Amino acid sequence: MSGKPLRLDEELVHEASLVGKVKKRSAAKQIEYWATLGKIAKENPDLPIHFIEDILEADAERKHGLISEYRFG
């Protein structure tokens, strides 16, 4: 699926730009992250938002090969 132009509130884009700089994301990627976070939170209302953020971070680390399998013993 390719990106499609959307009309977004200027304040939202500005805030996403500021937060995105800290997180090393473009404004578009920051809005995409917020949308993903909101979708997961909506589908799982019993999960705390910080728990969802941790899951997304761990998944990104896994996708980039930054984790290793834990071996017991």
PDB file of N, CA and C in Angstrom:
ATOM      1  N   MET A   1       0.850  -1.177   0.000  1.00  0.00           N
ATOM      2  CA  MET A   1       0.000   0.000   0.000  1.00  0.00           C
ATOM      3  C   MET A   1       0.893   1.237   0.000  1.00  0.00           C
ATOM      4  N   SER A   2       0.619   2.161  -0.857  1.00  0.00           N
ATOM      5  CA  SER A   2       1.434   3.370  -0.930  1.00  0.00           C
ATOM      6  C   SER A   2       0.809   4.478  -0.097  1.00  0.00           C
ATOM      7  N   GLY A   3       1.651   5.446   0.282  1.00  0.00           N
ATOM      8  CA  GLY A   3       1.160   6.573   1.055  1.00  0.00           C
ATOM      9  C   GLY A   3       0.218   7.434   0.232  1.00  0.00           C
ATOM     10  N   LYS A   4      -0.756   7.989   0.877  1.00  0.00           N
ATOM     11  CA  LYS A   4      -1.719   8.855   0.221  1.00  0.00           C
ATOM     12  C   LYS A   4      -1.750  10.182   0.961  1.00  0.00           C
ATOM     13  N   PRO A   5      -1.846  11.281   0.238  1.00  0.00           N
ATOM     14  CA  PRO A   5      -1.876  12.589   0.910  1.00  0.00           C
ATOM     15  C   PRO A   5      -3.133  12.744   1.761  1.00  0.00           C
ATOM     16  N   LEU A   6      -2.938  13.306   2.948  1.00  0.00           N
ATOM     17  CA  LEU A   6      -4.048  13.553   3.865  1.00  0.00           C
ATOM     18  C   LEU A   6      -3.999  15.007   4.307  1.00  0.00           C
ATOM     19  N   ARG A   7      -5.134  15.563   4.596  1.00  0.00           N
ATOM     20  CA  ARG A   7      -5.181  16.899   5.174  1.00  0.00           C
ATOM     21  C   ARG A   7      -5.234  16.722   6.690  1.00  0.00           C
ATOM     22  N   LEU A   8      -4.233  17.249   7.364  1.00  0.00           N
ATOM     23  CA  LEU A   8      -4.150  17.128   8.812  1.00  0.00           C
ATOM     24  C   LEU A   8      -4.101  18.513   9.445  1.00  0.00           C
ATOM     25  N   ASP A   9      -4.573  18.595  10.654  1.00  0.00           N
ATOM     26  CA  ASP A   9      -4.529  19.824  11.421  1.00  0.00           C
ATOM     27  C   ASP A   9      -3.084  20.296  11.556  1.00  0.00           C
ATOM     28  N   GLU A  10      -2.844  21.572  11.289  1.00  0.00           N
ATOM     29  CA  GLU A  10      -1.483  22.115  11.346  1.00  0.00           C
ATOM     30  C   GLU A  10      -0.852  21.952  12.718  1.00  0.00           C
ATOM     31  N   GLU A  11      -1.639  22.124  13.767  1.00  0.00           N
ATOM     32  CA  GLU A  11      -1.109  21.989  15.129  1.00  0.00           C
ATOM     33  C   GLU A  11      -0.656  20.553  15.398  1.00  0.00           C
ATOM     34  N   LEU A  12      -1.409  19.572  14.904  1.00  0.00           N
ATOM     35  CA  LEU A  12      -1.024  18.169  15.052  1.00  0.00           C
ATOM     36  C   LEU A  12       0.304  17.909  14.354  1.00  0.00           C
ATOM     37  N   VAL A  13       0.437  18.416  13.140  1.00  0.00           N
ATOM     38  CA  VAL A  13       1.667  18.216  12.377  1.00  0.00           C
ATOM     39  C   VAL A  13       2.844  18.908  13.072  1.00  0.00           C
ATOM     40  N   HIS A  14       2.606  20.109  13.587  1.00  0.00           N
ATOM     41  CA  HIS A  14       3.663  20.835  14.301  1.00  0.00           C
ATOM     42  C   HIS A  14       4.112  20.057  15.544  1.00  0.00           C
ATOM     43  N   GLU A  15       3.147  19.585  16.326  1.00  0.00           N
ATOM     44  CA  GLU A  15       3.480  18.812  17.532  1.00  0.00           C
ATOM     45  C   GLU A  15       4.209  17.521  17.167  1.00  0.00           C
ATOM     46  N   ALA A  16       3.754  16.860  16.115  1.00  0.00           N
ATOM     47  CA  ALA A  16       4.412  15.628  15.661  1.00  0.00           C
ATOM     48  C   ALA A  16       5.837  15.910  15.222  1.00  0.00           C
ATOM     49  N   SER A  17       6.051  17.051  14.610  1.00  0.00           N
ATOM     50  CA  SER A  17       7.392  17.437  14.191  1.00  0.00           C
ATOM     51  C   SER A  17       8.304  17.621  15.401  1.00  0.00           C
ATOM     52  N   LEU A  18       7.812  18.285  16.429  1.00  0.00           N
ATOM     53  CA  LEU A  18       8.612  18.516  17.641  1.00  0.00           C
ATOM     54  C   LEU A  18       8.928  17.207  18.362  1.00  0.00           C
ATOM     55  N   VAL A  19       7.910  16.396  18.572  1.00  0.00           N
ATOM     56  CA  VAL A  19       8.105  15.114  19.251  1.00  0.00           C
ATOM     57  C   VAL A  19       8.963  14.191  18.390  1.00  0.00           C
ATOM     58  N   GLY A  20       8.710  14.210  17.100  1.00  0.00           N
ATOM     59  CA  GLY A  20       9.466  13.372  16.176  1.00  0.00           C
ATOM     60  C   GLY A  20      10.954  13.668  16.192  1.00  0.00           C
ATOM     61  N   LYS A  21      11.325  14.929  16.335  1.00  0.00           N
ATOM     62  CA  LYS A  21      12.749  15.287  16.407  1.00  0.00           C
ATOM     63  C   LYS A  21      13.414  14.609  17.593  1.00  0.00           C
ATOM     64  N   VAL A  22      12.731  14.594  18.727  1.00  0.00           N
ATOM     65  CA  VAL A  22      13.274  13.955  19.924  1.00  0.00           C
ATOM     66  C   VAL A  22      13.396  12.444  19.718  1.00  0.00           C
ATOM     67  N   LYS A  23      12.397  11.864  19.073  1.00  0.00           N
ATOM     68  CA  LYS A  23      12.358  10.415  18.853  1.00  0.00           C
ATOM     69  C   LYS A  23      13.061   9.985  17.567  1.00  0.00           C
ATOM     70  N   LYS A  24      13.646  10.966  16.846  1.00  0.00           N
ATOM     71  CA  LYS A  24      14.350  10.702  15.582  1.00  0.00           C
ATOM     72  C   LYS A  24      13.408  10.115  14.523  1.00  0.00           C
ATOM     73  N   ARG A  25      12.190  10.714  14.452  1.00  0.00           N
ATOM     74  CA  ARG A  25      11.192  10.323  13.456  1.00  0.00           C
ATOM     75  C   ARG A  25      10.743  11.569  12.706  1.00  0.00           C
ATOM     76  N   SER A  26      10.322  11.392  11.470  1.00  0.00           N
ATOM     77  CA  SER A  26       9.700  12.497  10.739  1.00  0.00           C
ATOM     78  C   SER A  26       8.320  12.750  11.353  1.00  0.00           C
ATOM     79  N   ALA A  27       7.738  13.898  11.020  1.00  0.00           N
ATOM     80  CA  ALA A  27       6.384  14.188  11.509  1.00  0.00           C
ATOM     81  C   ALA A  27       5.416  13.105  11.039  1.00  0.00           C
ATOM     82  N   ALA A  28       5.562  12.670   9.782  1.00  0.00           N
ATOM     83  CA  ALA A  28       4.672  11.629   9.248  1.00  0.00           C
ATOM     84  C   ALA A  28       4.833  10.320  10.023  1.00  0.00           C
ATOM     85  N   LYS A  29       6.074   9.932  10.304  1.00  0.00           N
ATOM     86  CA  LYS A  29       6.305   8.686  11.052  1.00  0.00           C
ATOM     87  C   LYS A  29       5.800   8.810  12.484  1.00  0.00           C
ATOM     88  N   GLN A  30       5.919  10.008  13.087  1.00  0.00           N
ATOM     89  CA  GLN A  30       5.417  10.204  14.445  1.00  0.00           C
ATOM     90  C   GLN A  30       3.905  10.079  14.471  1.00  0.00           C
ATOM     91  N   ILE A  31       3.214  10.649  13.498  1.00  0.00           N
ATOM     92  CA  ILE A  31       1.754  10.531  13.430  1.00  0.00           C
ATOM     93  C   ILE A  31       1.364   9.080  13.190  1.00  0.00           C
ATOM     94  N   GLU A  32       2.115   8.397  12.344  1.00  0.00           N
ATOM     95  CA  GLU A  32       1.865   6.969  12.104  1.00  0.00           C
ATOM     96  C   GLU A  32       2.028   6.170  13.401  1.00  0.00           C
ATOM     97  N   TYR A  33       3.062   6.503  14.177  1.00  0.00           N
ATOM     98  CA  TYR A  33       3.291   5.830  15.465  1.00  0.00           C
ATOM     99  C   TYR A  33       2.112   6.081  16.408  1.00  0.00           C
ATOM    100  N   TRP A  34       1.681   7.347  16.502  1.00  0.00           N
ATOM    101  CA  TRP A  34       0.544   7.663  17.364  1.00  0.00           C
ATOM    102  C   TRP A  34      -0.705   6.915  16.923  1.00  0.00           C
ATOM    103  N   ALA A  35      -0.915   6.806  15.623  1.00  0.00           N
ATOM    104  CA  ALA A  35      -2.087   6.090  15.119  1.00  0.00           C
ATOM    105  C   ALA A  35      -2.021   4.611  15.483  1.00  0.00           C
ATOM    106  N   THR A  36      -0.841   4.024  15.335  1.00  0.00           N
ATOM    107  CA  THR A  36      -0.657   2.613  15.702  1.00  0.00           C
ATOM    108  C   THR A  36      -0.905   2.412  17.189  1.00  0.00           C
ATOM    109  N   LEU A  37      -0.331   3.291  17.991  1.00  0.00           N
ATOM    110  CA  LEU A  37      -0.503   3.221  19.442  1.00  0.00           C
ATOM    111  C   LEU A  37      -1.981   3.342  19.811  1.00  0.00           C
ATOM    112  N   GLY A  38      -2.668   4.297  19.202  1.00  0.00           N
ATOM    113  CA  GLY A  38      -4.092   4.493  19.481  1.00  0.00           C
ATOM    114  C   GLY A  38      -4.938   3.309  19.058  1.00  0.00           C
ATOM    115  N   LYS A  39      -4.613   2.728  17.910  1.00  0.00           N
ATOM    116  CA  LYS A  39      -5.360   1.560  17.420  1.00  0.00           C
ATOM    117  C   LYS A  39      -5.206   0.388  18.380  1.00  0.00           C
ATOM    118  N   ILE A  40      -3.969   0.135  18.810  1.00  0.00           N
ATOM    119  CA  ILE A  40      -3.728  -0.975  19.744  1.00  0.00           C
ATOM    120  C   ILE A  40      -4.415  -0.699  21.079  1.00  0.00           C
ATOM    121  N   ALA A  41      -4.342   0.536  21.561  1.00  0.00           N
ATOM    122  CA  ALA A  41      -4.985   0.896  22.833  1.00  0.00           C
ATOM    123  C   ALA A  41      -6.500   0.717  22.738  1.00  0.00           C
ATOM    124  N   LYS A  42      -7.074   1.089  21.615  1.00  0.00           N
ATOM    125  CA  LYS A  42      -8.517   0.945  21.415  1.00  0.00           C
ATOM    126  C   LYS A  42      -8.927  -0.530  21.399  1.00  0.00           C
ATOM    127  N   GLU A  43      -8.085  -1.366  20.784  1.00  0.00           N
ATOM    128  CA  GLU A  43      -8.376  -2.798  20.698  1.00  0.00           C
ATOM    129  C   GLU A  43      -8.095  -3.538  22.011  1.00  0.00           C
ATOM    130  N   ASN A  44      -7.296  -2.928  22.893  1.00  0.00           N
ATOM    131  CA  ASN A  44      -6.894  -3.560  24.157  1.00  0.00           C
ATOM    132  C   ASN A  44      -7.041  -2.562  25.298  1.00  0.00           C
ATOM    133  N   PRO A  45      -8.266  -2.188  25.652  1.00  0.00           N
ATOM    134  CA  PRO A  45      -8.474  -1.119  26.631  1.00  0.00           C
ATOM    135  C   PRO A  45      -7.935  -1.415  28.035  1.00  0.00           C
ATOM    136  N   ASP A  46      -7.650  -2.669  28.347  1.00  0.00           N
ATOM    137  CA  ASP A  46      -7.136  -3.006  29.678  1.00  0.00           C
ATOM    138  C   ASP A  46      -5.620  -2.853  29.801  1.00  0.00           C
ATOM    139  N   LEU A  47      -4.930  -2.637  28.677  1.00  0.00           N
ATOM    140  CA  LEU A  47      -3.477  -2.504  28.721  1.00  0.00           C
ATOM    141  C   LEU A  47      -3.070  -1.051  28.941  1.00  0.00           C
ATOM    142  N   PRO A  48      -2.161  -0.811  29.879  1.00  0.00           N
ATOM    143  CA  PRO A  48      -1.651   0.559  30.069  1.00  0.00           C
ATOM    144  C   PRO A  48      -0.866   1.001  28.827  1.00  0.00           C
ATOM    145  N   ILE A  49      -0.939   2.277  28.508  1.00  0.00           N
ATOM    146  CA  ILE A  49      -0.295   2.806  27.313  1.00  0.00           C
ATOM    147  C   ILE A  49       1.214   2.574  27.335  1.00  0.00           C
ATOM    148  N   HIS A  50       1.836   2.665  28.509  1.00  0.00           N
ATOM    149  CA  HIS A  50       3.288   2.437  28.595  1.00  0.00           C
ATOM    150  C   HIS A  50       3.636   0.982  28.277  1.00  0.00           C
ATOM    151  N   PHE A  51       2.765   0.068  28.621  1.00  0.00           N
ATOM    152  CA  PHE A  51       2.977  -1.346  28.296  1.00  0.00           C
ATOM    153  C   PHE A  51       2.934  -1.540  26.788  1.00  0.00           C
ATOM    154  N   ILE A  52       1.975  -0.887  26.133  1.00  0.00           N
ATOM    155  CA  ILE A  52       1.867  -0.977  24.674  1.00  0.00           C
ATOM    156  C   ILE A  52       3.107  -0.376  24.020  1.00  0.00           C
ATOM    157  N   GLU A  53       3.576   0.765  24.533  1.00  0.00           N
ATOM    158  CA  GLU A  53       4.791   1.383  23.991  1.00  0.00           C
ATOM    159  C   GLU A  53       5.990   0.444  24.129  1.00  0.00           C
ATOM    160  N   ASP A  54       6.104  -0.229  25.266  1.00  0.00           N
ATOM    161  CA  ASP A  54       7.198  -1.181  25.473  1.00  0.00           C
ATOM    162  C   ASP A  54       7.122  -2.344  24.478  1.00  0.00           C
ATOM    163  N   ILE A  55       5.920  -2.819  24.208  1.00  0.00           N
ATOM    164  CA  ILE A  55       5.740  -3.904  23.241  1.00  0.00           C
ATOM    165  C   ILE A  55       6.172  -3.445  21.843  1.00  0.00           C
ATOM    166  N   LEU A  56       5.755  -2.234  21.454  1.00  0.00           N
ATOM    167  CA  LEU A  56       6.144  -1.716  20.138  1.00  0.00           C
ATOM    168  C   LEU A  56       7.660  -1.534  20.034  1.00  0.00           C
ATOM    169  N   GLU A  57       8.277  -1.060  21.107  1.00  0.00           N
ATOM    170  CA  GLU A  57       9.733  -0.888  21.118  1.00  0.00           C
ATOM    171  C   GLU A  57      10.439  -2.236  21.006  1.00  0.00           C
ATOM    172  N   ALA A  58       9.981  -3.219  21.750  1.00  0.00           N
ATOM    173  CA  ALA A  58      10.582  -4.557  21.694  1.00  0.00           C
ATOM    174  C   ALA A  58      10.408  -5.171  20.307  1.00  0.00           C
ATOM    175  N   ASP A  59       9.252  -4.959  19.693  1.00  0.00           N
ATOM    176  CA  ASP A  59       9.020  -5.488  18.349  1.00  0.00           C
ATOM    177  C   ASP A  59       9.963  -4.836  17.338  1.00  0.00           C
ATOM    178  N   ALA A  60      10.182  -3.534  17.475  1.00  0.00           N
ATOM    179  CA  ALA A  60      11.114  -2.832  16.577  1.00  0.00           C
ATOM    180  C   ALA A  60      12.540  -3.350  16.783  1.00  0.00           C
ATOM    181  N   GLU A  61      12.923  -3.579  18.024  1.00  0.00           N
ATOM    182  CA  GLU A  61      14.259  -4.125  18.311  1.00  0.00           C
ATOM    183  C   GLU A  61      14.417  -5.508  17.686  1.00  0.00           C
ATOM    184  N   ARG A  62      13.370  -6.314  17.790  1.00  0.00           N
ATOM    185  CA  ARG A  62      13.403  -7.661  17.208  1.00  0.00           C
ATOM    186  C   ARG A  62      13.549  -7.582  15.693  1.00  0.00           C
ATOM    187  N   LYS A  63      12.781  -6.709  15.063  1.00  0.00           N
ATOM    188  CA  LYS A  63      12.832  -6.571  13.610  1.00  0.00           C
ATOM    189  C   LYS A  63      14.200  -6.112  13.117  1.00  0.00           C
ATOM    190  N   HIS A  64      14.924  -5.374  13.947  1.00  0.00           N
ATOM    191  CA  HIS A  64      16.240  -4.862  13.560  1.00  0.00           C
ATOM    192  C   HIS A  64      17.381  -5.730  14.098  1.00  0.00           C
ATOM    193  N   GLY A  65      17.052  -6.900  14.650  1.00  0.00           N
ATOM    194  CA  GLY A  65      18.069  -7.830  15.120  1.00  0.00           C
ATOM    195  C   GLY A  65      18.829  -7.360  16.344  1.00  0.00           C
ATOM    196  N   LEU A  66      18.203  -6.553  17.175  1.00  0.00           N
ATOM    197  CA  LEU A  66      18.893  -5.981  18.338  1.00  0.00           C
ATOM    198  C   LEU A  66      18.663  -6.777  19.630  1.00  0.00           C
ATOM    199  N   ILE A  67      18.018  -7.929  19.515  1.00  0.00           N
ATOM    200  CA  ILE A  67      17.804  -8.760  20.693  1.00  0.00           C
ATOM    201  C   ILE A  67      18.337 -10.157  20.412  1.00  0.00           C
ATOM    202  N   SER A  68      18.595 -10.873  21.482  1.00  0.00           N
ATOM    203  CA  SER A  68      19.042 -12.257  21.340  1.00  0.00           C
ATOM    204  C   SER A  68      18.178 -13.141  22.218  1.00  0.00           C
ATOM    205  N   GLU A  69      18.136 -14.386  21.862  1.00  0.00           N
ATOM    206  CA  GLU A  69      17.321 -15.341  22.598  1.00  0.00           C
ATOM    207  C   GLU A  69      17.911 -15.568  23.986  1.00  0.00           C
ATOM    208  N   TYR A  70      17.024 -15.579  24.995  1.00  0.00           N
ATOM    209  CA  TYR A  70      17.467 -15.856  26.360  1.00  0.00           C
ATOM    210  C   TYR A  70      17.582 -17.363  26.544  1.00  0.00           C
ATOM    211  N   ARG A  71      18.698 -17.797  27.105  1.00  0.00           N
ATOM    212  CA  ARG A  71      18.906 -19.238  27.363  1.00  0.00           C
ATOM    213  C   ARG A  71      18.951 -19.461  28.866  1.00  0.00           C
ATOM    214  N   PHE A  72      18.088 -20.350  29.337  1.00  0.00           N
ATOM    215  CA  PHE A  72      18.047 -20.684  30.756  1.00  0.00           C
ATOM    216  C   PHE A  72      19.242 -21.540  31.116  1.00  0.00           C
ATOM    217  N   GLY A  73      19.736 -21.336  32.359  1.00  0.00           N
ATOM    218  CA  GLY A  73      20.784 -22.194  32.900  1.00  0.00           C
ATOM    219  C   GLY A  73      22.095 -21.814  32.415  1.00  0.00           C
TER     220      GLY A  73
END
